């Protein structure tokens, strides 16, 4: 009997080994002066213009970093 070629099995990286993205939270004043506004930022800005609106910021795609 001849030996067949075995398949090379790559191990999957566990969730703790993968790089994770981190986004900075920005407030509506930052979104208002942004040079490249995104849909999420514009939606947040419109919500914050309503009277009595309370916001804690929105994750900004432009501030993405690896952790």
Protein backbone atom coordinates (compact mmCIF):
# COMPACT_ATOMS: atom_id res chain seq x y z
CA UNK A 1 0.00 0.00 0.00
CA UNK A 2 1.25 3.44 -0.82
CA UNK A 3 0.90 6.36 1.49
CA UNK A 4 -1.27 9.22 0.18
CA UNK A 5 -0.38 12.84 0.54
CA UNK A 6 -1.81 14.35 3.69
CA UNK A 7 -3.56 17.68 3.75
CA UNK A 8 -1.89 20.50 5.60
CA UNK A 9 -4.27 21.74 8.26
CA UNK A 10 -3.81 25.35 9.35
CA UNK A 11 -4.70 26.11 12.93
CA UNK A 12 -7.28 28.84 13.37
CA UNK A 13 -6.25 31.71 15.58
CA UNK A 14 -8.24 31.87 18.76
CA UNK A 15 -10.24 35.01 19.49
CA UNK A 16 -7.63 36.23 21.96
CA UNK A 17 -4.79 35.91 19.42
CA UNK A 18 -6.41 38.00 16.68
CA UNK A 19 -5.80 41.72 16.39
CA UNK A 20 -8.75 43.77 17.48
CA UNK A 21 -9.84 47.17 16.23
CA UNK A 22 -10.33 50.03 18.65
CA UNK A 23 -12.26 53.19 17.81
CA UNK A 24 -12.17 56.49 19.67
CA UNK A 25 -15.50 57.90 20.74
CA UNK A 26 -16.13 61.35 19.29
CA UNK A 27 -18.82 63.87 20.16
CA UNK A 28 -21.10 65.80 17.83
CA UNK A 29 -18.80 68.85 17.70
CA UNK A 30 -16.06 66.67 16.22
CA UNK A 31 -18.47 65.22 13.64
CA UNK A 32 -19.58 68.74 12.70
CA UNK A 33 -16.06 69.78 11.60
CA UNK A 34 -15.02 66.44 10.11
CA UNK A 35 -13.46 66.66 6.63
CA UNK A 36 -14.81 63.23 5.61
CA UNK A 37 -18.22 62.81 7.24
CA UNK A 38 -19.60 59.30 7.49
CA UNK A 39 -23.23 58.16 7.65
CA UNK A 40 -22.97 57.18 11.32
CA UNK A 41 -21.49 60.55 12.27
CA UNK A 42 -24.09 62.53 10.32
CA UNK A 43 -26.91 60.52 11.90
CA UNK A 44 -25.46 61.18 15.36
CA UNK A 45 -25.02 64.89 14.58
CA UNK A 46 -28.66 65.18 13.48
CA UNK A 47 -29.83 63.42 16.66
CA UNK A 48 -27.79 65.74 18.87
CA UNK A 49 -29.30 68.86 17.24
CA UNK A 50 -32.71 67.92 18.70
CA UNK A 51 -33.58 69.83 21.89
CA UNK A 52 -32.88 67.85 25.06
CA UNK A 53 -30.72 65.24 23.32
CA UNK A 54 -28.16 63.45 25.46
CA UNK A 55 -25.30 61.65 23.75
CA UNK A 56 -22.18 59.85 24.84
CA UNK A 57 -20.39 59.91 21.50
CA UNK A 58 -20.12 57.66 18.49
CA UNK A 59 -17.21 55.40 17.41
CA UNK A 60 -15.27 57.17 14.66
CA UNK A 61 -14.09 55.01 11.77
CA UNK A 62 -11.25 57.44 11.02
CA UNK A 63 -9.66 56.82 14.43
CA UNK A 64 -9.40 53.03 14.07
CA UNK A 65 -6.29 51.47 15.60
CA UNK A 66 -5.11 47.93 16.18
CA UNK A 67 -4.81 46.67 19.71
